[in-house]
Amino acid sequence: MSEGHGLQVDISERDGVAVLAPKGDVDMSASPNLRASLRPLVAKDKSRLIIDLSGVPYMDSSGVATLVEAMKLVRNHKGSLALCGMNDRVRGIFEIARLDQYFAIHDSIDSAIAQF
């Protein structure tokens, strides 16, 4: 678990899939902490990664950019990334930017695991 700028990030593994769960707003001050938590998972060749956003009430463009960067890193390592647990506000950001067409977005960790 790492913490900084009001963002706590829990990392676990479930059914052989790495699950990263940020808790708190993902904004300009918290995005570097999220990025710092994501990079080692990708570097360890975690080919399947779920980011559980159920604990994220708000995300700004820097948070979205961090997730886009994570998706690119995972794909460069021939892996898969899924997002789950978004509230309507966060999901709306992805839909407006049409990123819901590029990310695998699920309602729960279970449905994200089933995609793999």
PDB file of N, CA and C in Angstrom:
ATOM      1  N   MET A   1       0.846  -1.182   0.000  1.00  0.00           N
ATOM      2  CA  MET A   1       0.000   0.000   0.000  1.00  0.00           C
ATOM      3  C   MET A   1       0.885   1.237   0.000  1.00  0.00           C
ATOM      4  N   SER A   2       0.532   2.200  -0.803  1.00  0.00           N
ATOM      5  CA  SER A   2       1.247   3.473  -0.777  1.00  0.00           C
ATOM      6  C   SER A   2       0.240   4.585  -0.568  1.00  0.00           C
ATOM      7  N   GLU A   3       0.750   5.691  -0.044  1.00  0.00           N
ATOM      8  CA  GLU A   3      -0.149   6.796   0.254  1.00  0.00           C
ATOM      9  C   GLU A   3       0.567   8.107  -0.005  1.00  0.00           C
ATOM     10  N   GLY A   4      -0.142   9.066  -0.532  1.00  0.00           N
ATOM     11  CA  GLY A   4       0.428  10.382  -0.767  1.00  0.00           C
ATOM     12  C   GLY A   4      -0.617  11.316  -1.336  1.00  0.00           C
ATOM     13  N   HIS A   5      -0.591  12.560  -0.894  1.00  0.00           N
ATOM     14  CA  HIS A   5      -1.507  13.588  -1.387  1.00  0.00           C
ATOM     15  C   HIS A   5      -2.967  13.158  -1.261  1.00  0.00           C
ATOM     16  N   GLY A   6      -3.318  12.482  -0.162  1.00  0.00           N
ATOM     17  CA  GLY A   6      -4.696  12.098   0.064  1.00  0.00           C
ATOM     18  C   GLY A   6      -5.147  10.877  -0.711  1.00  0.00           C
ATOM     19  N   LEU A   7      -4.265  10.270  -1.462  1.00  0.00           N
ATOM     20  CA  LEU A   7      -4.622   9.080  -2.239  1.00  0.00           C
ATOM     21  C   LEU A   7      -3.933   7.867  -1.634  1.00  0.00           C
ATOM     22  N   GLN A   8      -4.719   6.890  -1.285  1.00  0.00           N
ATOM     23  CA  GLN A   8      -4.188   5.612  -0.803  1.00  0.00           C
ATOM     24  C   GLN A   8      -4.321   4.609  -1.937  1.00  0.00           C
ATOM     25  N   VAL A   9      -3.305   3.789  -2.152  1.00  0.00           N
ATOM     26  CA  VAL A   9      -3.343   2.797  -3.222  1.00  0.00           C
ATOM     27  C   VAL A   9      -3.058   1.424  -2.630  1.00  0.00           C
ATOM     28  N   ASP A  10      -4.050   0.548  -2.706  1.00  0.00           N
ATOM     29  CA  ASP A  10      -3.896  -0.831  -2.246  1.00  0.00           C
ATOM     30  C   ASP A  10      -3.604  -1.717  -3.446  1.00  0.00           C
ATOM     31  N   ILE A  11      -2.665  -2.629  -3.277  1.00  0.00           N
ATOM     32  CA  ILE A  11      -2.307  -3.564  -4.343  1.00  0.00           C
ATOM     33  C   ILE A  11      -2.469  -4.975  -3.806  1.00  0.00           C
ATOM     34  N   SER A  12      -3.185  -5.792  -4.553  1.00  0.00           N
ATOM     35  CA  SER A  12      -3.401  -7.182  -4.159  1.00  0.00           C
ATOM     36  C   SER A  12      -3.384  -8.056  -5.404  1.00  0.00           C
ATOM     37  N   GLU A  13      -3.585  -9.331  -5.190  1.00  0.00           N
ATOM     38  CA  GLU A  13      -3.681 -10.260  -6.318  1.00  0.00           C
ATOM     39  C   GLU A  13      -4.898 -11.137  -6.095  1.00  0.00           C
ATOM     40  N   ARG A  14      -5.626 -11.353  -7.159  1.00  0.00           N
ATOM     41  CA  ARG A  14      -6.828 -12.178  -7.069  1.00  0.00           C
ATOM     42  C   ARG A  14      -6.903 -13.064  -8.300  1.00  0.00           C
ATOM     43  N   ASP A  15      -6.946 -14.352  -8.090  1.00  0.00           N
ATOM     44  CA  ASP A  15      -7.001 -15.333  -9.179  1.00  0.00           C
ATOM     45  C   ASP A  15      -5.881 -15.108 -10.195  1.00  0.00           C
ATOM     46  N   GLY A  16      -4.692 -14.760  -9.696  1.00  0.00           N
ATOM     47  CA  GLY A  16      -3.545 -14.555 -10.565  1.00  0.00           C
ATOM     48  C   GLY A  16      -3.530 -13.232 -11.298  1.00  0.00           C
ATOM     49  N   VAL A  17      -4.444 -12.338 -10.947  1.00  0.00           N
ATOM     50  CA  VAL A  17      -4.543 -11.031 -11.589  1.00  0.00           C
ATOM     51  C   VAL A  17      -4.178  -9.958 -10.562  1.00  0.00           C
ATOM     52  N   ALA A  18      -3.298  -9.035 -10.930  1.00  0.00           N
ATOM     53  CA  ALA A  18      -2.950  -7.921 -10.050  1.00  0.00           C
ATOM     54  C   ALA A  18      -4.117  -6.940 -10.006  1.00  0.00           C
ATOM     55  N   VAL A  19      -4.480  -6.523  -8.796  1.00  0.00           N
ATOM     56  CA  VAL A  19      -5.577  -5.565  -8.604  1.00  0.00           C
ATOM     57  C   VAL A  19      -5.029  -4.350  -7.862  1.00  0.00           C
ATOM     58  N   LEU A  20      -5.129  -3.208  -8.491  1.00  0.00           N
ATOM     59  CA  LEU A  20      -4.692  -1.956  -7.897  1.00  0.00           C
ATOM     60  C   LEU A  20      -5.947  -1.154  -7.578  1.00  0.00           C
ATOM     61  N   ALA A  21      -6.086  -0.723  -6.319  1.00  0.00           N
ATOM     62  CA  ALA A  21      -7.305  -0.031  -5.894  1.00  0.00           C
ATOM     63  C   ALA A  21      -6.966   1.305  -5.238  1.00  0.00           C
ATOM     64  N   PRO A  22      -7.012   2.392  -6.006  1.00  0.00           N
ATOM     65  CA  PRO A  22      -6.803   3.714  -5.404  1.00  0.00           C
ATOM     66  C   PRO A  22      -8.035   4.119  -4.600  1.00  0.00           C
ATOM     67  N   LYS A  23      -7.799   4.862  -3.527  1.00  0.00           N
ATOM     68  CA  LYS A  23      -8.899   5.359  -2.700  1.00  0.00           C
ATOM     69  C   LYS A  23      -8.672   6.846  -2.455  1.00  0.00           C
ATOM     70  N   GLY A  24      -9.577   7.663  -2.988  1.00  0.00           N
ATOM     71  CA  GLY A  24      -9.480   9.115  -2.883  1.00  0.00           C
ATOM     72  C   GLY A  24      -9.558   9.742  -4.256  1.00  0.00           C
ATOM     73  N   ASP A  25      -9.543  11.062  -4.278  1.00  0.00           N
ATOM     74  CA  ASP A  25      -9.592  11.785  -5.545  1.00  0.00           C
ATOM     75  C   ASP A  25      -8.300  11.573  -6.324  1.00  0.00           C
ATOM     76  N   VAL A  26      -8.438  11.323  -7.622  1.00  0.00           N
ATOM     77  CA  VAL A  26      -7.267  11.198  -8.491  1.00  0.00           C
ATOM     78  C   VAL A  26      -7.206  12.476  -9.317  1.00  0.00           C
ATOM     79  N   ASP A  27      -6.420  13.418  -8.794  1.00  0.00           N
ATOM     80  CA  ASP A  27      -6.264  14.715  -9.445  1.00  0.00           C
ATOM     81  C   ASP A  27      -4.788  14.993  -9.673  1.00  0.00           C
ATOM     82  N   MET A  28      -4.473  16.233 -10.041  1.00  0.00           N
ATOM     83  CA  MET A  28      -3.102  16.570 -10.394  1.00  0.00           C
ATOM     84  C   MET A  28      -2.113  16.270  -9.260  1.00  0.00           C
ATOM     85  N   SER A  29      -2.521  16.465  -8.030  1.00  0.00           N
ATOM     86  CA  SER A  29      -1.599  16.226  -6.919  1.00  0.00           C
ATOM     87  C   SER A  29      -1.468  14.739  -6.590  1.00  0.00           C
ATOM     88  N   ALA A  30      -2.472  13.943  -6.898  1.00  0.00           N
ATOM     89  CA  ALA A  30      -2.459  12.514  -6.565  1.00  0.00           C
ATOM     90  C   ALA A  30      -2.011  11.623  -7.720  1.00  0.00           C
ATOM     91  N   SER A  31      -2.091  12.105  -8.941  1.00  0.00           N
ATOM     92  CA  SER A  31      -1.734  11.282 -10.108  1.00  0.00           C
ATOM     93  C   SER A  31      -0.305  10.740 -10.058  1.00  0.00           C
ATOM     94  N   PRO A  32       0.682  11.520  -9.603  1.00  0.00           N
ATOM     95  CA  PRO A  32       2.039  10.958  -9.529  1.00  0.00           C
ATOM     96  C   PRO A  32       2.132   9.740  -8.605  1.00  0.00           C
ATOM     97  N   ASN A  33       1.362   9.741  -7.514  1.00  0.00           N
ATOM     98  CA  ASN A  33       1.348   8.592  -6.612  1.00  0.00           C
ATOM     99  C   ASN A  33       0.732   7.374  -7.296  1.00  0.00           C
ATOM    100  N   LEU A  34      -0.338   7.583  -8.041  1.00  0.00           N
ATOM    101  CA  LEU A  34      -0.963   6.484  -8.774  1.00  0.00           C
ATOM    102  C   LEU A  34       0.011   5.939  -9.816  1.00  0.00           C
ATOM    103  N   ARG A  35       0.669   6.819 -10.537  1.00  0.00           N
ATOM    104  CA  ARG A  35       1.654   6.422 -11.548  1.00  0.00           C
ATOM    105  C   ARG A  35       2.787   5.623 -10.905  1.00  0.00           C
ATOM    106  N   ALA A  36       3.270   6.088  -9.761  1.00  0.00           N
ATOM    107  CA  ALA A  36       4.364   5.405  -9.057  1.00  0.00           C
ATOM    108  C   ALA A  36       3.935   4.020  -8.578  1.00  0.00           C
ATOM    109  N   SER A  37       2.667   3.828  -8.292  1.00  0.00           N
ATOM    110  CA  SER A  37       2.159   2.515  -7.877  1.00  0.00           C
ATOM    111  C   SER A  37       1.973   1.580  -9.071  1.00  0.00           C
ATOM    112  N   LEU A  38       1.638   2.141 -10.212  1.00  0.00           N
ATOM    113  CA  LEU A  38       1.389   1.341 -11.413  1.00  0.00           C
ATOM    114  C   LEU A  38       2.672   0.830 -12.068  1.00  0.00           C
ATOM    115  N   ARG A  39       3.656   1.670 -12.160  1.00  0.00           N
ATOM    116  CA  ARG A  39       4.887   1.320 -12.898  1.00  0.00           C
ATOM    117  C   ARG A  39       5.548   0.025 -12.416  1.00  0.00           C
ATOM    118  N   PRO A  40       5.734  -0.187 -11.109  1.00  0.00           N
ATOM    119  CA  PRO A  40       6.388  -1.438 -10.683  1.00  0.00           C
ATOM    120  C   PRO A  40       5.585  -2.687 -11.048  1.00  0.00           C
ATOM    121  N   LEU A  41       4.262  -2.571 -11.060  1.00  0.00           N
ATOM    122  CA  LEU A  41       3.446  -3.727 -11.442  1.00  0.00           C
ATOM    123  C   LEU A  41       3.701  -4.109 -12.891  1.00  0.00           C
ATOM    124  N   VAL A  42       3.776  -3.114 -13.752  1.00  0.00           N
ATOM    125  CA  VAL A  42       4.039  -3.379 -15.166  1.00  0.00           C
ATOM    126  C   VAL A  42       5.467  -3.893 -15.340  1.00  0.00           C
ATOM    127  N   ALA A  43       6.402  -3.319 -14.598  1.00  0.00           N
ATOM    128  CA  ALA A  43       7.807  -3.736 -14.697  1.00  0.00           C
ATOM    129  C   ALA A  43       8.005  -5.181 -14.251  1.00  0.00           C
ATOM    130  N   LYS A  44       7.144  -5.651 -13.357  1.00  0.00           N
ATOM    131  CA  LYS A  44       7.233  -7.040 -12.881  1.00  0.00           C
ATOM    132  C   LYS A  44       6.555  -8.003 -13.852  1.00  0.00           C
ATOM    133  N   ASP A  45       6.237  -7.522 -15.026  1.00  0.00           N
ATOM    134  CA  ASP A  45       5.566  -8.324 -16.052  1.00  0.00           C
ATOM    135  C   ASP A  45       4.217  -8.870 -15.596  1.00  0.00           C
ATOM    136  N   LYS A  46       3.484  -8.056 -14.882  1.00  0.00           N
ATOM    137  CA  LYS A  46       2.107  -8.418 -14.546  1.00  0.00           C
ATOM    138  C   LYS A  46       1.302  -8.231 -15.830  1.00  0.00           C
ATOM    139  N   SER A  47       1.020  -9.325 -16.501  1.00  0.00           N
ATOM    140  CA  SER A  47       0.384  -9.224 -17.809  1.00  0.00           C
ATOM    141  C   SER A  47      -1.112  -8.945 -17.719  1.00  0.00           C
ATOM    142  N   ARG A  48      -1.674  -9.157 -16.538  1.00  0.00           N
ATOM    143  CA  ARG A  48      -3.102  -8.891 -16.350  1.00  0.00           C
ATOM    144  C   ARG A  48      -3.254  -7.979 -15.139  1.00  0.00           C
ATOM    145  N   LEU A  49      -3.857  -6.832 -15.381  1.00  0.00           N
ATOM    146  CA  LEU A  49      -3.984  -5.819 -14.336  1.00  0.00           C
ATOM    147  C   LEU A  49      -5.395  -5.247 -14.337  1.00  0.00           C
ATOM    148  N   ILE A  50      -5.965  -5.178 -13.142  1.00  0.00           N
ATOM    149  CA  ILE A  50      -7.271  -4.544 -12.957  1.00  0.00           C
ATOM    150  C   ILE A  50      -7.063  -3.332 -12.067  1.00  0.00           C
ATOM    151  N   ILE A  51      -7.648  -2.214 -12.466  1.00  0.00           N
ATOM    152  CA  ILE A  51      -7.646  -1.026 -11.623  1.00  0.00           C
ATOM    153  C   ILE A  51      -9.082  -0.835 -11.141  1.00  0.00           C
ATOM    154  N   ASP A  52      -9.265  -1.046  -9.843  1.00  0.00           N
ATOM    155  CA  ASP A  52     -10.582  -0.934  -9.215  1.00  0.00           C
ATOM    156  C   ASP A  52     -10.789   0.511  -8.771  1.00  0.00           C
ATOM    157  N   LEU A  53     -11.680   1.208  -9.443  1.00  0.00           N
ATOM    158  CA  LEU A  53     -11.907   2.628  -9.184  1.00  0.00           C
ATOM    159  C   LEU A  53     -13.110   2.876  -8.278  1.00  0.00           C
ATOM    160  N   SER A  54     -13.572   1.854  -7.586  1.00  0.00           N
ATOM    161  CA  SER A  54     -14.742   2.022  -6.727  1.00  0.00           C
ATOM    162  C   SER A  54     -14.487   2.991  -5.562  1.00  0.00           C
ATOM    163  N   GLY A  55     -13.230   3.199  -5.201  1.00  0.00           N
ATOM    164  CA  GLY A  55     -12.892   4.127  -4.128  1.00  0.00           C
ATOM    165  C   GLY A  55     -12.490   5.508  -4.611  1.00  0.00           C
ATOM    166  N   VAL A  56     -12.778   5.797  -5.887  1.00  0.00           N
ATOM    167  CA  VAL A  56     -12.393   7.088  -6.484  1.00  0.00           C
ATOM    168  C   VAL A  56     -13.656   7.903  -6.766  1.00  0.00           C
ATOM    169  N   PRO A  57     -13.939   8.904  -5.916  1.00  0.00           N
ATOM    170  CA  PRO A  57     -15.139   9.710  -6.150  1.00  0.00           C
ATOM    171  C   PRO A  57     -14.972  10.759  -7.249  1.00  0.00           C
ATOM    172  N   TYR A  58     -13.703  11.142  -7.534  1.00  0.00           N
ATOM    173  CA  TYR A  58     -13.447  12.211  -8.507  1.00  0.00           C
ATOM    174  C   TYR A  58     -12.137  11.925  -9.226  1.00  0.00           C
ATOM    175  N   MET A  59     -12.109  12.195 -10.518  1.00  0.00           N
ATOM    176  CA  MET A  59     -10.881  12.064 -11.304  1.00  0.00           C
ATOM    177  C   MET A  59     -10.842  13.214 -12.303  1.00  0.00           C
ATOM    178  N   ASP A  60      -9.670  13.862 -12.409  1.00  0.00           N
ATOM    179  CA  ASP A  60      -9.531  14.917 -13.399  1.00  0.00           C
ATOM    180  C   ASP A  60      -8.718  14.398 -14.585  1.00  0.00           C
ATOM    181  N   SER A  61      -8.389  15.294 -15.499  1.00  0.00           N
ATOM    182  CA  SER A  61      -7.707  14.879 -16.727  1.00  0.00           C
ATOM    183  C   SER A  61      -6.326  14.291 -16.462  1.00  0.00           C
ATOM    184  N   SER A  62      -5.660  14.714 -15.400  1.00  0.00           N
ATOM    185  CA  SER A  62      -4.346  14.129 -15.098  1.00  0.00           C
ATOM    186  C   SER A  62      -4.491  12.677 -14.654  1.00  0.00           C
ATOM    187  N   GLY A  63      -5.567  12.352 -13.967  1.00  0.00           N
ATOM    188  CA  GLY A  63      -5.839  10.959 -13.595  1.00  0.00           C
ATOM    189  C   GLY A  63      -6.137  10.114 -14.819  1.00  0.00           C
ATOM    190  N   VAL A  64      -6.931  10.664 -15.718  1.00  0.00           N
ATOM    191  CA  VAL A  64      -7.237   9.959 -16.961  1.00  0.00           C
ATOM    192  C   VAL A  64      -5.954   9.727 -17.751  1.00  0.00           C
ATOM    193  N   ALA A  65      -5.107  10.742 -17.839  1.00  0.00           N
ATOM    194  CA  ALA A  65      -3.844  10.617 -18.567  1.00  0.00           C
ATOM    195  C   ALA A  65      -2.953   9.536 -17.945  1.00  0.00           C
ATOM    196  N   THR A  66      -2.972   9.426 -16.633  1.00  0.00           N
ATOM    197  CA  THR A  66      -2.198   8.392 -15.943  1.00  0.00           C
ATOM    198  C   THR A  66      -2.701   7.006 -16.323  1.00  0.00           C
ATOM    199  N   LEU A  67      -4.006   6.848 -16.429  1.00  0.00           N
ATOM    200  CA  LEU A  67      -4.565   5.548 -16.806  1.00  0.00           C
ATOM    201  C   LEU A  67      -4.294   5.226 -18.277  1.00  0.00           C
ATOM    202  N   VAL A  68      -4.315   6.235 -19.139  1.00  0.00           N
ATOM    203  CA  VAL A  68      -3.970   6.022 -20.548  1.00  0.00           C
ATOM    204  C   VAL A  68      -2.507   5.578 -20.646  1.00  0.00           C
ATOM    205  N   GLU A  69      -1.636   6.225 -19.893  1.00  0.00           N
ATOM    206  CA  GLU A  69      -0.232   5.842 -19.872  1.00  0.00           C
ATOM    207  C   GLU A  69      -0.068   4.398 -19.376  1.00  0.00           C
ATOM    208  N   ALA A  70      -0.818   4.037 -18.339  1.00  0.00           N
ATOM    209  CA  ALA A  70      -0.752   2.670 -17.811  1.00  0.00           C
ATOM    210  C   ALA A  70      -1.199   1.660 -18.857  1.00  0.00           C
ATOM    211  N   MET A  71      -2.272   1.991 -19.576  1.00  0.00           N
ATOM    212  CA  MET A  71      -2.758   1.083 -20.613  1.00  0.00           C
ATOM    213  C   MET A  71      -1.686   0.872 -21.687  1.00  0.00           C
ATOM    214  N   LYS A  72      -1.024   1.944 -22.095  1.00  0.00           N
ATOM    215  CA  LYS A  72       0.026   1.829 -23.107  1.00  0.00           C
ATOM    216  C   LYS A  72       1.185   0.979 -22.598  1.00  0.00           C
ATOM    217  N   LEU A  73       1.589   1.173 -21.347  1.00  0.00           N
ATOM    218  CA  LEU A  73       2.677   0.389 -20.772  1.00  0.00           C
ATOM    219  C   LEU A  73       2.326  -1.096 -20.708  1.00  0.00           C
ATOM    220  N   VAL A  74       1.117  -1.386 -20.260  1.00  0.00           N
ATOM    221  CA  VAL A  74       0.681  -2.781 -20.163  1.00  0.00           C
ATOM    222  C   VAL A  74       0.638  -3.419 -21.547  1.00  0.00           C
ATOM    223  N   ARG A  75       0.114  -2.702 -22.514  1.00  0.00           N
ATOM    224  CA  ARG A  75       0.052  -3.252 -23.878  1.00  0.00           C
ATOM    225  C   ARG A  75       1.443  -3.448 -24.477  1.00  0.00           C
ATOM    226  N   ASN A  76       2.374  -2.554 -24.157  1.00  0.00           N
ATOM    227  CA  ASN A  76       3.754  -2.714 -24.627  1.00  0.00           C
ATOM    228  C   ASN A  76       4.399  -3.970 -24.049  1.00  0.00           C
ATOM    229  N   HIS A  77       3.912  -4.405 -22.898  1.00  0.00           N
ATOM    230  CA  HIS A  77       4.400  -5.639 -22.271  1.00  0.00           C
ATOM    231  C   HIS A  77       3.502  -6.827 -22.638  1.00  0.00           C
ATOM    232  N   LYS A  78       2.697  -6.655 -23.686  1.00  0.00           N
ATOM    233  CA  LYS A  78       1.805  -7.710 -24.192  1.00  0.00           C
ATOM    234  C   LYS A  78       0.781  -8.155 -23.146  1.00  0.00           C
ATOM    235  N   GLY A  79       0.354  -7.216 -22.308  1.00  0.00           N
ATOM    236  CA  GLY A  79      -0.601  -7.536 -21.261  1.00  0.00           C
ATOM    237  C   GLY A  79      -1.968  -6.936 -21.514  1.00  0.00           C
ATOM    238  N   SER A  80      -2.836  -7.081 -20.525  1.00  0.00           N
ATOM    239  CA  SER A  80      -4.197  -6.565 -20.605  1.00  0.00           C
ATOM    240  C   SER A  80      -4.501  -5.770 -19.343  1.00  0.00           C
ATOM    241  N   LEU A  81      -5.266  -4.719 -19.517  1.00  0.00           N
ATOM    242  CA  LEU A  81      -5.671  -3.875 -18.398  1.00  0.00           C
ATOM    243  C   LEU A  81      -7.171  -3.694 -18.461  1.00  0.00           C
ATOM    244  N   ALA A  82      -7.802  -3.772 -17.301  1.00  0.00           N
ATOM    245  CA  ALA A  82      -9.242  -3.535 -17.211  1.00  0.00           C
ATOM    246  C   ALA A  82      -9.505  -2.564 -16.070  1.00  0.00           C
ATOM    247  N   LEU A  83     -10.534  -1.760 -16.232  1.00  0.00           N
ATOM    248  CA  LEU A  83     -10.987  -0.848 -15.189  1.00  0.00           C
ATOM    249  C   LEU A  83     -12.317  -1.349 -14.670  1.00  0.00           C
ATOM    250  N   CYS A  84     -12.568  -1.142 -13.383  1.00  0.00           N
ATOM    251  CA  CYS A  84     -13.868  -1.538 -12.850  1.00  0.00           C
ATOM    252  C   CYS A  84     -14.280  -0.616 -11.711  1.00  0.00           C
ATOM    253  N   GLY A  85     -15.548  -0.696 -11.374  1.00  0.00           N
ATOM    254  CA  GLY A  85     -16.078  -0.004 -10.213  1.00  0.00           C
ATOM    255  C   GLY A  85     -16.220   1.498 -10.336  1.00  0.00           C
ATOM    256  N   MET A  86     -16.271   2.016 -11.543  1.00  0.00           N
ATOM    257  CA  MET A  86     -16.384   3.475 -11.716  1.00  0.00           C
ATOM    258  C   MET A  86     -17.763   3.971 -11.280  1.00  0.00           C
ATOM    259  N   ASN A  87     -17.768   5.112 -10.586  1.00  0.00           N
ATOM    260  CA  ASN A  87     -19.050   5.744 -10.325  1.00  0.00           C
ATOM    261  C   ASN A  87     -19.483   6.492 -11.593  1.00  0.00           C
ATOM    262  N   ASP A  88     -20.700   6.989 -11.610  1.00  0.00           N
ATOM    263  CA  ASP A  88     -21.230   7.645 -12.813  1.00  0.00           C
ATOM    264  C   ASP A  88     -20.417   8.870 -13.220  1.00  0.00           C
ATOM    265  N   ARG A  89     -19.920   9.599 -12.242  1.00  0.00           N
ATOM    266  CA  ARG A  89     -19.154  10.817 -12.524  1.00  0.00           C
ATOM    267  C   ARG A  89     -17.846  10.490 -13.258  1.00  0.00           C
ATOM    268  N   VAL A  90     -17.128   9.495 -12.751  1.00  0.00           N
ATOM    269  CA  VAL A  90     -15.859   9.105 -13.374  1.00  0.00           C
ATOM    270  C   VAL A  90     -16.122   8.448 -14.727  1.00  0.00           C
ATOM    271  N   ARG A  91     -17.117   7.581 -14.789  1.00  0.00           N
ATOM    272  CA  ARG A  91     -17.450   6.928 -16.060  1.00  0.00           C
ATOM    273  C   ARG A  91     -17.806   7.972 -17.115  1.00  0.00           C
ATOM    274  N   GLY A  92     -18.502   9.028 -16.704  1.00  0.00           N
ATOM    275  CA  GLY A  92     -18.879  10.091 -17.634  1.00  0.00           C
ATOM    276  C   GLY A  92     -17.673  10.746 -18.288  1.00  0.00           C
ATOM    277  N   ILE A  93     -16.597  10.901 -17.536  1.00  0.00           N
ATOM    278  CA  ILE A  93     -15.371  11.488 -18.092  1.00  0.00           C
ATOM    279  C   ILE A  93     -14.828  10.597 -19.209  1.00  0.00           C
ATOM    280  N   PHE A  94     -14.839   9.290 -18.968  1.00  0.00           N
ATOM    281  CA  PHE A  94     -14.333   8.350 -19.970  1.00  0.00           C
ATOM    282  C   PHE A  94     -15.247   8.320 -21.196  1.00  0.00           C
ATOM    283  N   GLU A  95     -16.549   8.445 -20.981  1.00  0.00           N
ATOM    284  CA  GLU A  95     -17.481   8.432 -22.103  1.00  0.00           C
ATOM    285  C   GLU A  95     -17.380   9.705 -22.932  1.00  0.00           C
ATOM    286  N   ILE A  96     -17.265  10.855 -22.280  1.00  0.00           N
ATOM    287  CA  ILE A  96     -17.144  12.126 -23.007  1.00  0.00           C
ATOM    288  C   ILE A  96     -15.884  12.128 -23.866  1.00  0.00           C
ATOM    289  N   ALA A  97     -14.796  11.600 -23.323  1.00  0.00           N
ATOM    290  CA  ALA A  97     -13.534  11.543 -24.061  1.00  0.00           C
ATOM    291  C   ALA A  97     -13.474  10.342 -25.008  1.00  0.00           C
ATOM    292  N   ARG A  98     -14.535   9.548 -25.008  1.00  0.00           N
ATOM    293  CA  ARG A  98     -14.641   8.333 -25.829  1.00  0.00           C
ATOM    294  C   ARG A  98     -13.578   7.293 -25.496  1.00  0.00           C
ATOM    295  N   LEU A  99     -13.047   7.370 -24.291  1.00  0.00           N
ATOM    296  CA  LEU A  99     -12.048   6.392 -23.859  1.00  0.00           C
ATOM    297  C   LEU A  99     -12.683   5.060 -23.477  1.00  0.00           C
ATOM    298  N   ASP A 100     -14.005   5.068 -23.314  1.00  0.00           N
ATOM    299  CA  ASP A 100     -14.694   3.806 -23.026  1.00  0.00           C
ATOM    300  C   ASP A 100     -14.605   2.854 -24.221  1.00  0.00           C
ATOM    301  N   GLN A 101     -14.198   3.367 -25.380  1.00  0.00           N
ATOM    302  CA  GLN A 101     -14.007   2.527 -26.560  1.00  0.00           C
ATOM    303  C   GLN A 101     -12.641   1.845 -26.556  1.00  0.00           C
ATOM    304  N   TYR A 102     -11.725   2.343 -25.725  1.00  0.00           N
ATOM    305  CA  TYR A 102     -10.360   1.820 -25.695  1.00  0.00           C
ATOM    306  C   TYR A 102     -10.041   1.018 -24.433  1.00  0.00           C
ATOM    307  N   PHE A 103     -10.734   1.333 -23.359  1.00  0.00           N
ATOM    308  CA  PHE A 103     -10.544   0.611 -22.106  1.00  0.00           C
ATOM    309  C   PHE A 103     -11.615  -0.459 -21.944  1.00  0.00           C
ATOM    310  N   ALA A 104     -11.226  -1.580 -21.372  1.00  0.00           N
ATOM    311  CA  ALA A 104     -12.203  -2.581 -20.948  1.00  0.00           C
ATOM    312  C   ALA A 104     -12.734  -2.101 -19.597  1.00  0.00           C
ATOM    313  N   ILE A 105     -14.017  -1.727 -19.549  1.00  0.00           N
ATOM    314  CA  ILE A 105     -14.616  -1.181 -18.331  1.00  0.00           C
ATOM    315  C   ILE A 105     -15.686  -2.150 -17.847  1.00  0.00           C
ATOM    316  N   HIS A 106     -15.580  -2.536 -16.580  1.00  0.00           N
ATOM    317  CA  HIS A 106     -16.497  -3.500 -15.981  1.00  0.00           C
ATOM    318  C   HIS A 106     -17.110  -2.926 -14.714  1.00  0.00           C
ATOM    319  N   ASP A 107     -18.216  -3.526 -14.304  1.00  0.00           N
ATOM    320  CA  ASP A 107     -18.878  -3.082 -13.084  1.00  0.00           C
ATOM    321  C   ASP A 107     -18.170  -3.566 -11.827  1.00  0.00           C
ATOM    322  N   SER A 108     -17.533  -4.746 -11.894  1.00  0.00           N
ATOM    323  CA  SER A 108     -16.940  -5.331 -10.700  1.00  0.00           C
ATOM    324  C   SER A 108     -15.612  -6.010 -11.008  1.00  0.00           C
ATOM    325  N   ILE A 109     -14.872  -6.320  -9.965  1.00  0.00           N
ATOM    326  CA  ILE A 109     -13.619  -7.065 -10.123  1.00  0.00           C
ATOM    327  C   ILE A 109     -13.916  -8.426 -10.722  1.00  0.00           C
ATOM    328  N   ASP A 110     -14.984  -9.078 -10.261  1.00  0.00           N
ATOM    329  CA  ASP A 110     -15.330 -10.409 -10.780  1.00  0.00           C
ATOM    330  C   ASP A 110     -15.551 -10.399 -12.286  1.00  0.00           C
ATOM    331  N   SER A 111     -16.300  -9.410 -12.780  1.00  0.00           N
ATOM    332  CA  SER A 111     -16.548  -9.375 -14.231  1.00  0.00           C
ATOM    333  C   SER A 111     -15.277  -9.012 -14.997  1.00  0.00           C
ATOM    334  N   ALA A 112     -14.386  -8.214 -14.384  1.00  0.00           N
ATOM    335  CA  ALA A 112     -13.115  -7.895 -15.043  1.00  0.00           C
ATOM    336  C   ALA A 112     -12.217  -9.134 -15.101  1.00  0.00           C
ATOM    337  N   ILE A 113     -12.182  -9.909 -14.034  1.00  0.00           N
ATOM    338  CA  ILE A 113     -11.389 -11.141 -14.019  1.00  0.00           C
ATOM    339  C   ILE A 113     -11.906 -12.105 -15.073  1.00  0.00           C
ATOM    340  N   ALA A 114     -13.206 -12.181 -15.220  1.00  0.00           N
ATOM    341  CA  ALA A 114     -13.808 -13.101 -16.206  1.00  0.00           C
ATOM    342  C   ALA A 114     -13.373 -12.763 -17.626  1.00  0.00           C
ATOM    343  N   GLN A 115     -13.020 -11.496 -17.914  1.00  0.00           N
ATOM    344  CA  GLN A 115     -12.591 -11.105 -19.262  1.00  0.00           C
ATOM    345  C   GLN A 115     -11.264 -11.755 -19.615  1.00  0.00           C
ATOM    346  N   PHE A 116     -10.440 -12.021 -18.585  1.00  0.00           N
ATOM    347  CA  PHE A 116      -9.121 -12.587 -18.833  1.00  0.00           C
ATOM    348  C   PHE A 116      -9.240 -14.079 -19.041  1.00  0.00           C
TER     349      PHE A 116
END
